[in-house]
């Protein structure tokens, strides 16, 4: 049973169990020398199909925060609630997408999008709205500690630097104001249509777990889907993200890239997600652990290890490049 022994408020165990239900079926006598891990998305080629999922308030874990993570990433999705502003993170010169929550002030949303388009170097190359969060999830550990992350201003970098926020909400950004700017209980497809109308950048929707939602979003102009259950931290009892992946790939995978996060820990996890149709995966907790221990150096160390683990899994399974990663390389238990 999914999550039978897990602690309430942490659904990531369910994600891990989803991965365990799939097993790799290796082939033998295959030439696996000179393996190719590269993948192309939205006109850019990446050396491996592994990016960094958006995680907010990273200076809580290391003073270098998102700047260090971006420097060590092949693909970095910057959280809307990051410690450092999107202009500051742009100095890292990695490939960057901007993550957004849909809040209740469209002027602030538009301001952030426009800033992303024109910030440092070539700017951010895609917008990643998370649409599975009309309300904040039930975080039992936060409640037990009587703490809100916004109490310490670690997630305000994009807000305190924004001219619209300064004009309308300064001088004091209370937790209530931040919730107003990041949550919208009455969210609807009109909010997505508004976002689509204010940018020509690709919009890659994160937080999709149902194939009908994926099809609806494609009809309204989404350029990609990230299958995700928010790392198991949002809706207690939600389906494991990997369990949702195959049906969404079947529904929209011929039209737009389908990507994946939630529960990736090892190379074998990456193998399974790609075999089930994901074009790229995003890791979260692993790179945050590296950041906590060693800043940019720690993040690079984690990245090098997980890429090496994935590469070795390909070779041991008799696979030379990502095009050979198909559902028939797995068996469901």
Protein backbone atom coordinates (compact mmCIF):
# COMPACT_ATOMS: atom_id res chain seq x y z
CA UNK A 1 0.00 0.00 0.00
CA UNK A 2 1.39 3.39 -1.03
CA UNK A 3 2.73 5.26 1.96
CA UNK A 4 1.64 2.63 4.49
CA UNK A 5 4.30 3.51 7.03
CA UNK A 6 5.03 7.10 6.16
CA UNK A 7 4.69 10.03 8.51
CA UNK A 8 1.68 12.21 7.80
CA UNK A 9 2.67 15.34 5.93
CA UNK A 10 5.55 13.74 3.97
CA UNK A 11 4.31 11.96 0.88
CA UNK A 12 7.76 11.45 -0.65
CA UNK A 13 7.79 7.84 0.59
CA UNK A 14 4.98 7.23 -1.90
CA UNK A 15 7.22 8.51 -4.68
CA UNK A 16 9.97 6.10 -3.64
CA UNK A 17 7.53 3.18 -3.63
CA UNK A 18 6.42 4.10 -7.15
CA UNK A 19 9.98 3.71 -8.39
CA UNK A 20 10.34 0.36 -6.65
CA UNK A 21 7.41 -1.06 -8.61
CA UNK A 22 9.44 -0.79 -11.82
CA UNK A 23 12.53 -2.94 -12.48
CA UNK A 24 15.15 -2.57 -15.18
CA UNK A 25 15.45 -5.39 -17.73
CA UNK A 26 19.09 -5.38 -18.90
CA UNK A 27 20.26 -6.67 -22.27
CA UNK A 28 23.64 -8.31 -22.96
CA UNK A 29 26.21 -8.32 -25.77
CA UNK A 30 25.56 -4.68 -26.59
CA UNK A 31 28.27 -2.18 -27.53
CA UNK A 32 27.91 0.52 -24.88
CA UNK A 33 31.21 2.32 -25.39
CA UNK A 34 31.01 6.07 -25.96
CA UNK A 35 27.57 6.50 -24.45
CA UNK A 36 25.67 9.67 -25.31
CA UNK A 37 23.65 11.24 -22.47
CA UNK A 38 22.80 14.47 -24.29
CA UNK A 39 19.28 15.78 -24.87
CA UNK A 40 17.87 18.70 -26.85
CA UNK A 41 14.97 20.80 -25.58
CA UNK A 42 13.57 24.08 -26.89
CA UNK A 43 16.49 24.61 -29.24
CA UNK A 44 19.23 23.96 -26.69
CA UNK A 45 21.40 20.89 -26.22
CA UNK A 46 22.16 19.73 -22.68
CA UNK A 47 25.00 17.33 -21.77
CA UNK A 48 22.66 15.13 -19.73
CA UNK A 49 18.90 15.01 -19.06
CA UNK A 50 19.11 16.20 -15.46
CA UNK A 51 18.10 19.65 -14.26
CA UNK A 52 17.50 21.26 -10.88
CA UNK A 53 13.92 21.61 -9.68
CA UNK A 54 12.82 24.92 -8.14
CA UNK A 55 13.48 25.08 -4.40
CA UNK A 56 12.80 28.29 -2.53
CA UNK A 57 14.69 30.03 0.27
CA UNK A 58 18.01 28.31 -0.43
CA UNK A 59 20.05 30.68 1.74
CA UNK A 60 18.42 28.93 4.70
CA UNK A 61 20.78 26.06 3.86
CA UNK A 62 23.88 27.89 2.62
CA UNK A 63 24.69 31.57 2.30
CA UNK A 64 25.46 31.19 -1.43
CA UNK A 65 21.92 29.93 -1.97
CA UNK A 66 20.50 29.90 -5.49
CA UNK A 67 23.58 31.53 -7.00
CA UNK A 68 25.71 28.52 -6.07
CA UNK A 69 23.09 26.06 -7.29
CA UNK A 70 22.71 27.86 -10.62
CA UNK A 71 26.47 27.89 -11.19
CA UNK A 72 26.61 24.12 -10.74
CA UNK A 73 23.56 23.30 -12.89
CA UNK A 74 23.17 22.37 -16.53
CA UNK A 75 19.55 23.49 -16.25
CA UNK A 76 18.34 25.51 -13.26
CA UNK A 77 14.73 26.40 -12.50
CA UNK A 78 14.78 29.37 -10.15
CA UNK A 79 12.00 29.47 -7.58
CA UNK A 80 9.74 32.50 -7.37
CA UNK A 81 10.43 32.50 -3.61
CA UNK A 82 14.21 32.47 -3.89
CA UNK A 83 16.55 34.31 -1.55
CA UNK A 84 18.42 35.99 -4.38
CA UNK A 85 16.65 37.91 -7.12
CA UNK A 86 16.42 36.60 -10.66
CA UNK A 87 18.85 39.34 -11.77
CA UNK A 88 21.40 38.17 -9.20
CA UNK A 89 21.04 34.54 -10.25
CA UNK A 90 21.37 35.56 -13.90
CA UNK A 91 25.06 36.28 -13.22
CA UNK A 92 25.58 32.51 -12.95
CA UNK A 93 25.13 32.26 -16.75
CA UNK A 94 23.65 28.76 -16.63
CA UNK A 95 20.55 27.80 -18.61
CA UNK A 96 17.69 29.15 -16.53
CA UNK A 97 13.92 28.88 -16.40
CA UNK A 98 11.83 30.99 -14.01
CA UNK A 99 9.34 29.26 -11.74
CA UNK A 100 6.15 31.08 -10.76
CA UNK A 101 3.24 30.56 -8.43
CA UNK A 102 -0.02 32.11 -9.59
CA UNK A 103 -0.94 34.68 -6.97
CA UNK A 104 -3.72 37.22 -6.71
CA UNK A 105 -1.94 40.23 -8.22
CA UNK A 106 -1.56 39.98 -12.02
CA UNK A 107 0.60 43.11 -12.10
CA UNK A 108 3.26 41.44 -9.96
CA UNK A 109 3.10 38.30 -12.08
CA UNK A 110 3.60 40.32 -15.26
CA UNK A 111 6.46 42.31 -13.72
CA UNK A 112 8.34 39.11 -12.81
CA UNK A 113 7.84 37.68 -16.30
CA UNK A 114 9.12 40.84 -17.98
CA UNK A 115 12.12 40.95 -15.65
CA UNK A 116 12.91 37.34 -16.53
CA UNK A 117 12.79 38.09 -20.24
CA UNK A 118 15.30 40.93 -20.04
CA UNK A 119 17.60 39.85 -17.18
CA UNK A 120 21.35 39.22 -17.52
CA UNK A 121 22.94 37.63 -20.58
CA UNK A 122 20.31 35.93 -22.70
CA UNK A 123 17.76 36.08 -19.91
CA UNK A 124 15.56 33.26 -18.73
CA UNK A 125 14.50 31.02 -21.59
CA UNK A 126 11.19 29.62 -20.24
CA UNK A 127 8.50 30.22 -17.63
CA UNK A 128 7.52 27.37 -15.30
CA UNK A 129 4.24 28.00 -13.47
CA UNK A 130 3.35 25.57 -10.70
CA UNK A 131 -0.42 25.16 -10.91
CA UNK A 132 -0.99 22.57 -8.17
CA UNK A 133 -0.85 25.07 -5.32
CA UNK A 134 -4.00 27.18 -4.92
CA UNK A 135 -3.32 26.96 -1.17
CA UNK A 136 -0.24 26.18 0.92
CA UNK A 137 0.04 22.51 1.83
CA UNK A 138 -0.28 21.14 5.34
CA UNK A 139 3.32 21.13 6.62
CA UNK A 140 3.22 19.25 9.91
CA UNK A 141 6.87 19.90 10.78
CA UNK A 142 6.51 23.64 10.22
CA UNK A 143 3.47 23.69 12.47
CA UNK A 144 5.18 21.68 15.20
CA UNK A 145 8.06 24.16 15.19
CA UNK A 146 5.69 27.18 15.10
CA UNK A 147 7.64 28.53 12.15
CA UNK A 148 6.92 29.93 8.71
CA UNK A 149 9.81 30.15 6.20
CA UNK A 150 8.71 33.70 5.35
CA UNK A 151 9.37 34.80 8.93
CA UNK A 152 13.08 35.04 8.16
CA UNK A 153 12.82 36.75 4.74
CA UNK A 154 14.76 34.01 2.98
CA UNK A 155 12.25 33.78 0.14
CA UNK A 156 11.76 37.44 -0.67
CA UNK A 157 14.58 38.17 -3.15
CA UNK A 158 12.32 38.52 -6.17
CA UNK A 159 9.74 40.56 -4.27
CA UNK A 160 11.89 43.16 -2.53
CA UNK A 161 13.62 43.88 -5.86
CA UNK A 162 10.41 44.22 -7.85
CA UNK A 163 9.23 47.77 -8.72
CA UNK A 164 5.53 46.84 -8.66
CA UNK A 165 5.85 45.17 -5.26
CA UNK A 166 7.76 48.18 -3.95
CA UNK A 167 5.06 50.50 -5.22
CA UNK A 168 2.05 48.56 -3.95
CA UNK A 169 3.21 46.64 -0.86
CA UNK A 170 6.28 48.28 0.69
CA UNK A 171 7.66 48.87 3.21
CA UNK A 172 6.63 45.69 4.99
CA UNK A 173 6.19 42.33 3.23
CA UNK A 174 4.30 40.28 5.80
CA UNK A 175 3.71 36.53 5.47
CA UNK A 176 0.09 37.37 4.64
CA UNK A 177 1.15 39.53 1.69
CA UNK A 178 3.50 36.84 0.39
CA UNK A 179 0.68 34.29 0.57
CA UNK A 180 -1.49 36.75 -1.36
CA UNK A 181 1.19 36.98 -4.05
CA UNK A 182 1.82 33.22 -4.26
CA UNK A 183 -1.56 31.55 -3.64
CA UNK A 184 -4.91 31.90 -5.39
CA UNK A 185 -7.74 29.69 -4.12
CA UNK A 186 -10.02 30.84 -6.97
CA UNK A 187 -7.47 30.01 -9.68
CA UNK A 188 -8.90 29.06 -13.09
CA UNK A 189 -7.87 28.46 -16.68
CA UNK A 190 -8.21 32.21 -17.20
CA UNK A 191 -5.10 32.68 -15.07
CA UNK A 192 -3.15 30.42 -17.39
CA UNK A 193 -4.54 32.24 -20.43
CA UNK A 194 -3.41 35.55 -18.90
CA UNK A 195 0.11 34.19 -18.39
CA UNK A 196 0.15 32.94 -21.97
CA UNK A 197 -0.88 36.41 -23.19
CA UNK A 198 1.97 38.30 -21.52
CA UNK A 199 4.96 36.29 -22.75
CA UNK A 200 6.26 34.65 -25.89
CA UNK A 201 8.62 32.46 -23.87
CA UNK A 202 7.83 28.74 -23.68
CA UNK A 203 5.48 27.97 -20.78
CA UNK A 204 6.22 24.63 -19.12
CA UNK A 205 3.55 23.73 -16.57
CA UNK A 206 4.69 22.02 -13.39
CA UNK A 207 2.49 20.03 -11.01
CA UNK A 208 0.43 17.99 -13.48
CA UNK A 209 -0.76 14.53 -12.37
CA UNK A 210 -3.84 13.93 -14.57
CA UNK A 211 -3.81 13.31 -18.32
CA UNK A 212 -6.99 15.36 -18.89
CA UNK A 213 -5.34 18.38 -17.25
CA UNK A 214 -2.32 17.91 -19.49
CA UNK A 215 -4.47 17.85 -22.62
CA UNK A 216 -6.39 20.94 -21.51
CA UNK A 217 -3.17 22.87 -20.94
CA UNK A 218 -1.82 21.94 -24.36
CA UNK A 219 -5.07 23.18 -25.92
CA UNK A 220 -4.52 26.55 -24.22
CA UNK A 221 -0.93 26.91 -25.36
CA UNK A 222 1.37 25.15 -22.91
CA UNK A 223 4.73 24.24 -24.43
CA UNK A 224 5.64 21.49 -22.00
CA UNK A 225 4.52 19.52 -18.95
CA UNK A 226 6.41 18.62 -15.79
CA UNK A 227 4.78 15.68 -14.04
CA UNK A 228 5.22 16.39 -10.33
CA UNK A 229 3.51 16.01 -6.98
CA UNK A 230 5.58 18.81 -5.47
CA UNK A 231 8.14 16.35 -4.12
CA UNK A 232 5.45 14.80 -1.92
CA UNK A 233 5.35 17.96 0.22
CA UNK A 234 2.01 19.42 -0.82
CA UNK A 235 -1.05 17.15 -0.93
CA UNK A 236 -0.91 14.38 1.64
CA UNK A 237 -2.02 11.09 0.07
CA UNK A 238 -1.50 12.19 -3.55
CA UNK A 239 -0.60 9.72 -6.28
CA UNK A 240 3.10 9.02 -6.75
CA UNK A 241 4.37 11.18 -9.61
CA UNK A 242 5.90 8.23 -11.47
CA UNK A 243 2.53 6.47 -11.43
CA UNK A 244 1.04 9.46 -13.28
CA UNK A 245 3.80 9.73 -15.89
CA UNK A 246 2.84 7.03 -18.46
CA UNK A 247 -0.75 8.21 -18.98
CA UNK A 248 0.37 11.83 -19.43
CA UNK A 249 3.06 10.81 -21.92
CA UNK A 250 0.42 8.85 -23.84
CA UNK A 251 -1.93 11.85 -23.81
CA UNK A 252 0.42 14.67 -24.87
CA UNK A 253 3.91 13.30 -25.43
CA UNK A 254 3.63 13.54 -29.22
CA UNK A 255 2.77 17.23 -29.00
CA UNK A 256 5.09 18.71 -26.34
CA UNK A 257 7.98 17.49 -24.17
CA UNK A 258 6.90 15.79 -20.94
CA UNK A 259 9.38 16.11 -18.07
CA UNK A 260 9.43 14.79 -14.52
CA UNK A 261 10.33 15.53 -10.92
CA UNK A 262 9.50 14.11 -7.47
CA UNK A 263 11.41 11.27 -5.89
CA UNK A 264 14.59 11.16 -8.00
CA UNK A 265 17.47 9.98 -5.84
CA UNK A 266 19.61 7.60 -7.90
CA UNK A 267 20.68 6.89 -11.46
CA UNK A 268 18.20 4.03 -11.66
CA UNK A 269 15.37 6.48 -10.87
CA UNK A 270 16.43 8.67 -13.79
CA UNK A 271 16.61 5.59 -16.02
CA UNK A 272 13.04 4.59 -15.11
CA UNK A 273 11.52 8.04 -15.56
CA UNK A 274 13.13 8.47 -18.98
CA UNK A 275 12.13 4.96 -20.05
CA UNK A 276 8.52 5.82 -19.20
CA UNK A 277 8.63 8.81 -21.50
CA UNK A 278 10.13 11.80 -19.68
CA UNK A 279 12.51 13.90 -21.79
CA UNK A 280 14.29 15.38 -18.77
CA UNK A 281 14.16 14.89 -15.01
CA UNK A 282 14.69 17.41 -12.25
CA UNK A 283 16.29 16.61 -8.92
CA UNK A 284 15.46 18.52 -5.76
CA UNK A 285 16.52 17.25 -2.35
CA UNK A 286 19.82 15.71 -3.56
CA UNK A 287 21.30 18.97 -4.81
CA UNK A 288 19.97 20.81 -1.75
CA UNK A 289 21.86 18.36 0.46
CA UNK A 290 25.03 19.14 -1.51
CA UNK A 291 24.40 22.87 -1.16
CA UNK A 292 23.93 22.53 2.58
CA UNK A 293 27.20 20.70 3.06
CA UNK A 294 29.47 22.47 0.62
CA UNK A 295 27.86 25.32 -1.32
CA UNK A 296 28.63 25.32 -5.04
CA UNK A 297 31.31 22.64 -4.57
CA UNK A 298 28.82 20.39 -2.79
CA UNK A 299 26.21 20.83 -5.51
CA UNK A 300 28.76 19.99 -8.21
CA UNK A 301 29.80 16.89 -6.29
CA UNK A 302 26.21 15.65 -6.04
CA UNK A 303 25.61 16.37 -9.73
CA UNK A 304 28.75 14.55 -10.86
CA UNK A 305 27.83 11.51 -8.78
CA UNK A 306 24.23 11.23 -9.92
CA UNK A 307 25.24 11.71 -13.58
CA UNK A 308 27.93 9.03 -13.20
CA UNK A 309 25.43 6.70 -11.53
CA UNK A 310 22.92 7.19 -14.37
CA UNK A 311 25.61 6.74 -17.03
CA UNK A 312 26.73 3.47 -15.45
CA UNK A 313 23.14 2.24 -15.27
CA UNK A 314 22.79 2.81 -19.01
CA UNK A 315 25.92 0.84 -19.75
CA UNK A 316 25.04 -2.04 -17.44
CA UNK A 317 21.58 -2.25 -19.03
CA UNK A 318 23.04 -2.41 -22.56
CA UNK A 319 21.93 1.07 -23.63
CA UNK A 320 24.16 3.48 -25.53
CA UNK A 321 21.98 6.58 -25.95
CA UNK A 322 18.73 8.00 -24.64
CA UNK A 323 16.70 7.07 -27.74
CA UNK A 324 17.02 3.43 -26.65
CA UNK A 325 15.37 4.12 -23.29
CA UNK A 326 11.88 2.76 -23.97
CA UNK A 327 9.16 1.22 -21.78
CA UNK A 328 10.27 -2.28 -22.83
CA UNK A 329 13.51 -1.74 -20.87
CA UNK A 330 11.38 -1.99 -17.70
CA UNK A 331 9.19 -4.57 -16.04
CA UNK A 332 6.45 -3.64 -13.58
CA UNK A 333 6.38 -5.76 -10.42
